[in-house]
Amino acid sequence: MMCQCGGIMKSSEHSIKSVNKANEWAEGLYQQKDLPLHVAQQTCASCGRLGYKVTNSKGELVKRFNL
């Protein structure tokens, strides 16, 4: 995937199992029964632009930023 600046986007993914960490990503947008949350993150190697999607354990979108 290409960034708006023309740089290459680097992808990473991780799961969030604790309420404290989940609150850092999506405070007030999920219920504890939805844990673990899954974060798919992309960062531009050139300009540092960040985008991510947070989904719950059922794969439903919880939060989206810059994607």
N, C-alpha and C. Protein backbone atom coordinates (compact mmCIF):
# COMPACT_ATOMS: atom_id res chain seq x y z
N MET A 1 0.84 -1.18 0.00
CA MET A 1 0.00 0.00 0.00
C MET A 1 0.89 1.25 0.00
N MET A 2 0.44 2.26 -0.69
CA MET A 2 1.20 3.50 -0.79
C MET A 2 0.54 4.60 0.06
N CYS A 3 1.36 5.43 0.67
CA CYS A 3 0.90 6.59 1.44
C CYS A 3 0.58 7.73 0.47
N GLN A 4 -0.13 8.72 0.96
CA GLN A 4 -0.42 9.90 0.15
C GLN A 4 0.84 10.64 -0.28
N CYS A 5 1.91 10.53 0.52
CA CYS A 5 3.16 11.20 0.19
C CYS A 5 3.97 10.42 -0.85
N GLY A 6 3.54 9.18 -1.14
CA GLY A 6 4.24 8.34 -2.09
C GLY A 6 5.13 7.30 -1.43
N GLY A 7 5.22 7.34 -0.10
CA GLY A 7 6.04 6.38 0.63
C GLY A 7 5.35 5.04 0.79
N ILE A 8 6.13 4.06 1.20
CA ILE A 8 5.61 2.70 1.40
C ILE A 8 5.11 2.54 2.83
N MET A 9 3.91 1.95 2.95
CA MET A 9 3.30 1.72 4.26
C MET A 9 3.77 0.38 4.83
N LYS A 10 4.20 0.40 6.08
CA LYS A 10 4.62 -0.81 6.79
C LYS A 10 3.45 -1.26 7.65
N SER A 11 3.06 -2.53 7.55
CA SER A 11 1.92 -3.06 8.30
C SER A 11 2.38 -3.85 9.52
N SER A 12 1.60 -3.77 10.59
CA SER A 12 1.82 -4.60 11.77
C SER A 12 0.46 -4.88 12.42
N GLU A 13 0.39 -5.98 13.14
CA GLU A 13 -0.85 -6.38 13.80
C GLU A 13 -0.53 -6.90 15.19
N HIS A 14 -1.45 -6.64 16.12
CA HIS A 14 -1.31 -7.21 17.45
C HIS A 14 -2.67 -7.30 18.14
N SER A 15 -2.73 -8.10 19.21
CA SER A 15 -3.95 -8.26 19.99
C SER A 15 -3.79 -7.58 21.33
N ILE A 16 -4.90 -7.07 21.84
CA ILE A 16 -4.93 -6.40 23.14
C ILE A 16 -5.85 -7.19 24.05
N LYS A 17 -5.30 -7.67 25.16
CA LYS A 17 -6.08 -8.52 26.05
C LYS A 17 -6.48 -7.82 27.35
N SER A 18 -5.78 -6.76 27.74
CA SER A 18 -6.08 -6.09 29.01
C SER A 18 -6.96 -4.86 28.81
N VAL A 19 -7.77 -4.57 29.81
CA VAL A 19 -8.66 -3.42 29.76
C VAL A 19 -7.86 -2.12 29.69
N ASN A 20 -6.77 -2.04 30.44
CA ASN A 20 -5.95 -0.82 30.45
C ASN A 20 -5.41 -0.49 29.07
N LYS A 21 -4.86 -1.48 28.37
CA LYS A 21 -4.32 -1.25 27.03
C LYS A 21 -5.45 -0.97 26.04
N ALA A 22 -6.57 -1.69 26.18
CA ALA A 22 -7.71 -1.47 25.28
C ALA A 22 -8.22 -0.04 25.41
N ASN A 23 -8.21 0.51 26.62
CA ASN A 23 -8.64 1.89 26.82
C ASN A 23 -7.73 2.89 26.12
N GLU A 24 -6.46 2.56 25.96
CA GLU A 24 -5.54 3.45 25.24
C GLU A 24 -5.91 3.54 23.77
N TRP A 25 -6.45 2.47 23.22
CA TRP A 25 -6.79 2.43 21.80
C TRP A 25 -8.23 2.82 21.50
N ALA A 26 -9.16 2.46 22.39
CA ALA A 26 -10.59 2.65 22.05
C ALA A 26 -11.44 2.85 23.30
N GLU A 27 -11.06 3.78 24.15
CA GLU A 27 -11.78 4.00 25.40
C GLU A 27 -13.24 4.33 25.14
N GLY A 28 -14.13 3.61 25.82
CA GLY A 28 -15.55 3.86 25.73
C GLY A 28 -16.23 3.30 24.48
N LEU A 29 -15.48 2.65 23.61
CA LEU A 29 -16.03 2.16 22.35
C LEU A 29 -16.21 0.64 22.32
N TYR A 30 -15.92 -0.05 23.40
CA TYR A 30 -16.01 -1.50 23.45
C TYR A 30 -16.54 -1.92 24.82
N GLN A 31 -16.92 -3.19 24.93
CA GLN A 31 -17.29 -3.77 26.21
C GLN A 31 -16.25 -4.81 26.57
N GLN A 32 -16.08 -5.07 27.86
CA GLN A 32 -15.05 -6.00 28.30
C GLN A 32 -15.25 -7.39 27.68
N LYS A 33 -16.49 -7.77 27.41
CA LYS A 33 -16.74 -9.08 26.80
C LYS A 33 -16.21 -9.14 25.35
N ASP A 34 -15.91 -7.98 24.74
CA ASP A 34 -15.39 -7.92 23.38
C ASP A 34 -13.89 -8.21 23.30
N LEU A 35 -13.22 -8.27 24.45
CA LEU A 35 -11.78 -8.53 24.45
C LEU A 35 -11.50 -9.96 24.02
N PRO A 36 -10.39 -10.26 23.37
CA PRO A 36 -9.33 -9.33 23.02
C PRO A 36 -9.68 -8.49 21.78
N LEU A 37 -9.13 -7.27 21.75
CA LEU A 37 -9.25 -6.42 20.58
C LEU A 37 -8.08 -6.72 19.66
N HIS A 38 -8.28 -6.48 18.38
CA HIS A 38 -7.23 -6.72 17.39
C HIS A 38 -6.93 -5.38 16.71
N VAL A 39 -5.64 -5.02 16.63
CA VAL A 39 -5.23 -3.77 16.00
C VAL A 39 -4.42 -4.08 14.75
N ALA A 40 -4.86 -3.55 13.62
CA ALA A 40 -4.12 -3.61 12.36
C ALA A 40 -3.62 -2.20 12.08
N GLN A 41 -2.32 -2.02 12.12
CA GLN A 41 -1.72 -0.69 12.07
C GLN A 41 -0.83 -0.56 10.83
N GLN A 42 -0.83 0.63 10.22
CA GLN A 42 0.05 0.91 9.10
C GLN A 42 0.76 2.23 9.34
N THR A 43 2.08 2.24 9.08
CA THR A 43 2.90 3.43 9.27
C THR A 43 3.71 3.68 8.01
N CYS A 44 3.74 4.93 7.55
CA CYS A 44 4.52 5.29 6.37
C CYS A 44 5.99 5.39 6.73
N ALA A 45 6.83 4.74 5.94
CA ALA A 45 8.27 4.76 6.18
C ALA A 45 8.87 6.13 5.88
N SER A 46 8.24 6.92 5.02
CA SER A 46 8.79 8.23 4.64
C SER A 46 8.36 9.35 5.57
N CYS A 47 7.03 9.53 5.74
CA CYS A 47 6.54 10.69 6.49
C CYS A 47 6.06 10.35 7.90
N GLY A 48 5.94 9.06 8.22
CA GLY A 48 5.53 8.66 9.56
C GLY A 48 4.03 8.67 9.79
N ARG A 49 3.24 8.90 8.75
CA ARG A 49 1.78 8.91 8.89
C ARG A 49 1.32 7.56 9.45
N LEU A 50 0.38 7.63 10.39
CA LEU A 50 -0.12 6.44 11.08
C LEU A 50 -1.59 6.25 10.78
N GLY A 51 -1.99 5.01 10.55
CA GLY A 51 -3.38 4.66 10.40
C GLY A 51 -3.61 3.32 11.06
N TYR A 52 -4.81 3.11 11.62
CA TYR A 52 -5.10 1.82 12.24
C TYR A 52 -6.59 1.53 12.27
N LYS A 53 -6.90 0.24 12.40
CA LYS A 53 -8.26 -0.25 12.61
C LYS A 53 -8.24 -1.12 13.85
N VAL A 54 -9.24 -0.93 14.71
CA VAL A 54 -9.40 -1.75 15.90
C VAL A 54 -10.69 -2.54 15.73
N THR A 55 -10.59 -3.87 15.87
CA THR A 55 -11.77 -4.73 15.79
C THR A 55 -11.89 -5.55 17.07
N ASN A 56 -13.13 -5.97 17.37
CA ASN A 56 -13.34 -6.77 18.57
C ASN A 56 -13.12 -8.25 18.25
N SER A 57 -13.38 -9.12 19.23
CA SER A 57 -13.12 -10.55 19.07
C SER A 57 -14.00 -11.19 18.00
N LYS A 58 -15.09 -10.52 17.62
CA LYS A 58 -15.99 -11.04 16.58
C LYS A 58 -15.62 -10.50 15.19
N GLY A 59 -14.61 -9.64 15.13
CA GLY A 59 -14.19 -9.05 13.86
C GLY A 59 -14.96 -7.79 13.49
N GLU A 60 -15.78 -7.27 14.40
CA GLU A 60 -16.55 -6.06 14.14
C GLU A 60 -15.69 -4.82 14.38
N LEU A 61 -15.80 -3.84 13.51
CA LEU A 61 -15.01 -2.61 13.61
C LEU A 61 -15.41 -1.83 14.86
N VAL A 62 -14.41 -1.47 15.67
CA VAL A 62 -14.62 -0.67 16.88
C VAL A 62 -14.18 0.76 16.64
N LYS A 63 -13.02 0.93 16.00
CA LYS A 63 -12.49 2.27 15.75
C LYS A 63 -11.60 2.22 14.50
N ARG A 64 -11.61 3.32 13.77
CA ARG A 64 -10.78 3.46 12.57
C ARG A 64 -10.15 4.84 12.60
N PHE A 65 -8.86 4.92 12.25
CA PHE A 65 -8.16 6.20 12.24
C PHE A 65 -7.25 6.27 11.02
N ASN A 66 -7.44 7.26 10.16
CA ASN A 66 -6.61 7.55 8.99
C ASN A 66 -6.50 6.42 7.98
N LEU A 67 -7.46 5.54 7.91
CA LEU A 67 -7.44 4.47 6.88
C LEU A 67 -8.72 4.51 6.10
